[in-house]
Amino acid sequence: MNIIRKYIIFIGTFLIIGIINFALTSSLDASFFDYSVFVGFFSTIIIYFFTSTGGYTSRSLDVQIQGSTGLRPEGTQSKFNPSYVFFGSLAYFLTSLIVTIFIYL
């Protein structure tokens, strides 16, 4: 993957989360910065959850398979490979946190 595509994915993620935040605050008639930290945090958690392997969901599925078949599936190690989407959402969260701190001080 070339470097320009990585930057486009990073900035695109940052902008999409900003648009989601703008739509949310417009519909609730609230300040953009009031919800930006929460939107950034939850988007980072959701992206982390869907890009990691071997977590709680995988273990729960393994237990269900073992209960129904009697066969124990091979255990998988918990692994997380951060992508540029994750880094973009993390950057949005940290930027919104810093801006919100400066606004409310």
C-alpha atoms as a PDB file:
ATOM      1  CA  MET A   1       0.000   0.000   0.000  1.00  0.00           C
ATOM      2  CA  ASN A   2       1.573   3.262  -1.014  1.00  0.00           C
ATOM      3  CA  ILE A   3       2.004   6.140   1.391  1.00  0.00           C
ATOM      4  CA  ILE A   4      -0.524   8.468  -0.271  1.00  0.00           C
ATOM      5  CA  ARG A   5      -3.281   5.871   0.055  1.00  0.00           C
ATOM      6  CA  LYS A   6      -2.445   5.446   3.746  1.00  0.00           C
ATOM      7  CA  TYR A   7      -2.756   9.194   4.325  1.00  0.00           C
ATOM      8  CA  ILE A   8      -6.048   9.311   2.428  1.00  0.00           C
ATOM      9  CA  ILE A   9      -7.447   6.508   4.607  1.00  0.00           C
ATOM     10  CA  PHE A  10      -6.192   8.253   7.760  1.00  0.00           C
ATOM     11  CA  ILE A  11      -7.632  11.660   6.824  1.00  0.00           C
ATOM     12  CA  GLY A  12     -10.819  10.092   5.440  1.00  0.00           C
ATOM     13  CA  THR A  13     -11.460   8.344   8.748  1.00  0.00           C
ATOM     14  CA  PHE A  14     -10.836  11.593  10.611  1.00  0.00           C
ATOM     15  CA  LEU A  15     -13.308  13.430   8.349  1.00  0.00           C
ATOM     16  CA  ILE A  16     -15.994  10.728   8.454  1.00  0.00           C
ATOM     17  CA  ILE A  17     -15.977  10.716  12.255  1.00  0.00           C
ATOM     18  CA  GLY A  18     -16.185  14.518  12.177  1.00  0.00           C
ATOM     19  CA  ILE A  19     -19.200  14.329   9.848  1.00  0.00           C
ATOM     20  CA  ILE A  20     -20.863  11.775  12.141  1.00  0.00           C
ATOM     21  CA  ASN A  21     -20.225  14.097  15.083  1.00  0.00           C
ATOM     22  CA  PHE A  22     -21.618  17.070  13.143  1.00  0.00           C
ATOM     23  CA  ALA A  23     -24.770  15.135  12.191  1.00  0.00           C
ATOM     24  CA  LEU A  24     -25.271  14.011  15.790  1.00  0.00           C
ATOM     25  CA  THR A  25     -24.830  17.462  17.280  1.00  0.00           C
ATOM     26  CA  SER A  26     -27.021  19.060  14.605  1.00  0.00           C
ATOM     27  CA  SER A  27     -29.855  16.646  15.308  1.00  0.00           C
ATOM     28  CA  LEU A  28     -29.545  17.154  19.074  1.00  0.00           C
ATOM     29  CA  ASP A  29     -29.038  20.931  18.808  1.00  0.00           C
ATOM     30  CA  ALA A  30     -25.851  20.705  20.879  1.00  0.00           C
ATOM     31  CA  SER A  31     -22.337  22.080  20.634  1.00  0.00           C
ATOM     32  CA  PHE A  32     -19.950  20.247  18.305  1.00  0.00           C
ATOM     33  CA  PHE A  33     -17.264  20.022  20.982  1.00  0.00           C
ATOM     34  CA  ASP A  34     -19.634  18.713  23.654  1.00  0.00           C
ATOM     35  CA  TYR A  35     -19.952  15.385  21.871  1.00  0.00           C
ATOM     36  CA  SER A  36     -16.688  15.202  19.941  1.00  0.00           C
ATOM     37  CA  VAL A  37     -14.751  13.395  22.692  1.00  0.00           C
ATOM     38  CA  PHE A  38     -17.489  10.793  23.150  1.00  0.00           C
ATOM     39  CA  VAL A  39     -17.910  10.199  19.414  1.00  0.00           C
ATOM     40  CA  GLY A  40     -14.137   9.849  19.025  1.00  0.00           C
ATOM     41  CA  PHE A  41     -13.859   7.491  21.980  1.00  0.00           C
ATOM     42  CA  PHE A  42     -16.718   5.231  20.920  1.00  0.00           C
ATOM     43  CA  SER A  43     -15.590   5.129  17.298  1.00  0.00           C
ATOM     44  CA  THR A  44     -12.092   4.106  18.428  1.00  0.00           C
ATOM     45  CA  ILE A  45     -13.523   1.356  20.654  1.00  0.00           C
ATOM     46  CA  ILE A  46     -15.799   0.068  17.871  1.00  0.00           C
ATOM     47  CA  ILE A  47     -12.969   0.027  15.327  1.00  0.00           C
ATOM     48  CA  TYR A  48     -10.704  -1.745  17.837  1.00  0.00           C
ATOM     49  CA  PHE A  49     -13.397  -4.339  18.539  1.00  0.00           C
ATOM     50  CA  PHE A  50     -13.948  -5.155  14.877  1.00  0.00           C
ATOM     51  CA  THR A  51     -10.262  -5.267  13.904  1.00  0.00           C
ATOM     52  CA  SER A  52      -8.958  -7.452  16.734  1.00  0.00           C
ATOM     53  CA  THR A  53      -8.994 -11.253  16.769  1.00  0.00           C
ATOM     54  CA  GLY A  54      -9.145 -13.794  19.568  1.00  0.00           C
ATOM     55  CA  GLY A  55     -11.030 -11.594  22.006  1.00  0.00           C
ATOM     56  CA  TYR A  56     -14.136 -12.155  24.089  1.00  0.00           C
ATOM     57  CA  THR A  57     -16.383 -12.831  21.098  1.00  0.00           C
ATOM     58  CA  SER A  58     -14.062 -15.507  19.712  1.00  0.00           C
ATOM     59  CA  ARG A  59     -13.761 -17.226  23.086  1.00  0.00           C
ATOM     60  CA  SER A  60     -17.543 -17.132  23.549  1.00  0.00           C
ATOM     61  CA  LEU A  61     -18.041 -18.748  20.153  1.00  0.00           C
ATOM     62  CA  ASP A  62     -15.444 -21.415  21.004  1.00  0.00           C
ATOM     63  CA  VAL A  63     -17.337 -22.269  24.200  1.00  0.00           C
ATOM     64  CA  GLN A  64     -20.596 -22.594  22.252  1.00  0.00           C
ATOM     65  CA  ILE A  65     -18.950 -24.874  19.687  1.00  0.00           C
ATOM     66  CA  GLN A  66     -17.427 -27.004  22.429  1.00  0.00           C
ATOM     67  CA  GLY A  67     -20.794 -27.284  24.177  1.00  0.00           C
ATOM     68  CA  SER A  68     -22.692 -28.348  21.080  1.00  0.00           C
ATOM     69  CA  THR A  69     -20.124 -30.663  19.466  1.00  0.00           C
ATOM     70  CA  GLY A  70     -18.043 -31.834  22.391  1.00  0.00           C
ATOM     71  CA  LEU A  71     -14.911 -30.914  20.461  1.00  0.00           C
ATOM     72  CA  ARG A  72     -12.614 -28.284  21.811  1.00  0.00           C
ATOM     73  CA  PRO A  73     -11.534 -25.797  19.136  1.00  0.00           C
ATOM     74  CA  GLU A  74      -7.916 -24.759  18.962  1.00  0.00           C
ATOM     75  CA  GLY A  75      -7.329 -21.649  21.063  1.00  0.00           C
ATOM     76  CA  THR A  76      -6.441 -18.420  19.318  1.00  0.00           C
ATOM     77  CA  GLN A  77      -4.240 -15.763  20.793  1.00  0.00           C
ATOM     78  CA  SER A  78      -5.660 -12.303  21.192  1.00  0.00           C
ATOM     79  CA  LYS A  79      -4.149 -10.192  18.440  1.00  0.00           C
ATOM     80  CA  PHE A  80      -4.651  -6.620  17.312  1.00  0.00           C
ATOM     81  CA  ASN A  81      -3.162  -5.230  14.131  1.00  0.00           C
ATOM     82  CA  PRO A  82      -3.823  -1.489  14.119  1.00  0.00           C
ATOM     83  CA  SER A  83      -4.811  -0.052  10.775  1.00  0.00           C
ATOM     84  CA  TYR A  84      -4.813   3.496   9.485  1.00  0.00           C
ATOM     85  CA  VAL A  85      -8.549   3.610  10.158  1.00  0.00           C
ATOM     86  CA  PHE A  86      -7.817   2.917  13.825  1.00  0.00           C
ATOM     87  CA  PHE A  87      -5.050   5.521  13.903  1.00  0.00           C
ATOM     88  CA  GLY A  88      -7.390   8.060  12.266  1.00  0.00           C
ATOM     89  CA  SER A  89     -10.076   7.477  14.885  1.00  0.00           C
ATOM     90  CA  LEU A  90      -7.490   7.619  17.665  1.00  0.00           C
ATOM     91  CA  ALA A  91      -6.164  10.906  16.266  1.00  0.00           C
ATOM     92  CA  TYR A  92      -9.716  12.292  16.166  1.00  0.00           C
ATOM     93  CA  PHE A  93     -10.273  11.266  19.784  1.00  0.00           C
ATOM     94  CA  LEU A  94      -7.008  12.759  21.037  1.00  0.00           C
ATOM     95  CA  THR A  95      -7.445  15.965  19.024  1.00  0.00           C
ATOM     96  CA  SER A  96     -11.005  16.441  20.242  1.00  0.00           C
ATOM     97  CA  LEU A  97      -9.913  15.747  23.821  1.00  0.00           C
ATOM     98  CA  ILE A  98      -7.155  18.371  23.669  1.00  0.00           C
ATOM     99  CA  VAL A  99      -9.411  20.953  21.985  1.00  0.00           C
ATOM    100  CA  THR A 100     -12.202  20.325  24.492  1.00  0.00           C
ATOM    101  CA  ILE A 101      -9.805  20.734  27.424  1.00  0.00           C
ATOM    102  CA  PHE A 102      -8.588  24.071  26.053  1.00  0.00           C
ATOM    103  CA  ILE A 103     -12.138  25.278  25.371  1.00  0.00           C
ATOM    104  CA  TYR A 104     -13.432  24.505  28.849  1.00  0.00           C
ATOM    105  CA  LEU A 105     -10.416  25.742  30.830  1.00  0.00           C
END
